[in-house]
Amino acid sequence: MARILLVEDEGAIAQTIEFALRADGFESTHALTGRDALRLAATSAFDLAILDVGLPDIGGFALCRELRRERDLPVIFLTAHDAEADRVLGLELGADDYVSKPFSPRELVARVRAVLRRSQGGTPPTIAGGAFAHDPEGHRVHFRGQLLELTRYEYGLLAALLQRPGAILSRAQLMDRVWGTDSDSSDRTVDTHIKTLRAKLHAIDPGADPIRTQRGLGYCLQAD
């Protein structure tokens, strides 16, 4: 049974998270402040820490550094802010994941499981060429080292293309993999989402054009 250290100063949120963790078989210990968390960590070994960034005494980022002085503890940050600067700082500190409030407790538990699998020698994120890093378990894709903020369908399209870099996937194949039996969608839906996906890639690297249109055939991804 994995032991989780939860550091969250909002009682209602902490109760919800603890209930979800225990229902999924984890042992959870809750600390209201950063100092309480350091005292607990000094006497107990934890497998992962969930840290609220906005703690009243020690900020979550500073607490992460303190907790990792003795061992490489996997960390997931919780924050009420979705600012890019916060995400970048968290990732630079070596955060294993980053979740913005409000969030689904079940999704958080799924991310806990994914981080633990990776930290315990499970399947690492798959890398497709030098431009993309894909974490299928966390449903996240990095491009040129930056996390892409993707909708459900944008992620599905990019994940399908990343599975077979260089291979041409028809609109019908992409429709089947991403939309399934959704009868309200059409081939034009694929084109629309590819367009928004390209815009997000261009925002990171204006000179990049990794998603190529093959006229009359479909799309392919050049991952390098």
Foldseek 3Di string as FASTA:
>chain_A
DFEEEEEDQDVVVVVQLCVLQVVVPYHYDYDNALVRSVVCLVPDDGQAYEEEQDHPPDGRLRSQVVSPPVHDHAYEYEYQDPDPVVVVSCVVSPHPYYYYPPDDSNLVNQSVVLSSCVVVPHDDFDDQPDAWTGDVSNLWIGGNNHTFDDDQLLSQQVVVQSVPAPDFDALVRSCCRRVNPPPVDDSVVVVVSVVVSQVRNCVVPVVDDQWDADPPTHIHGHRD
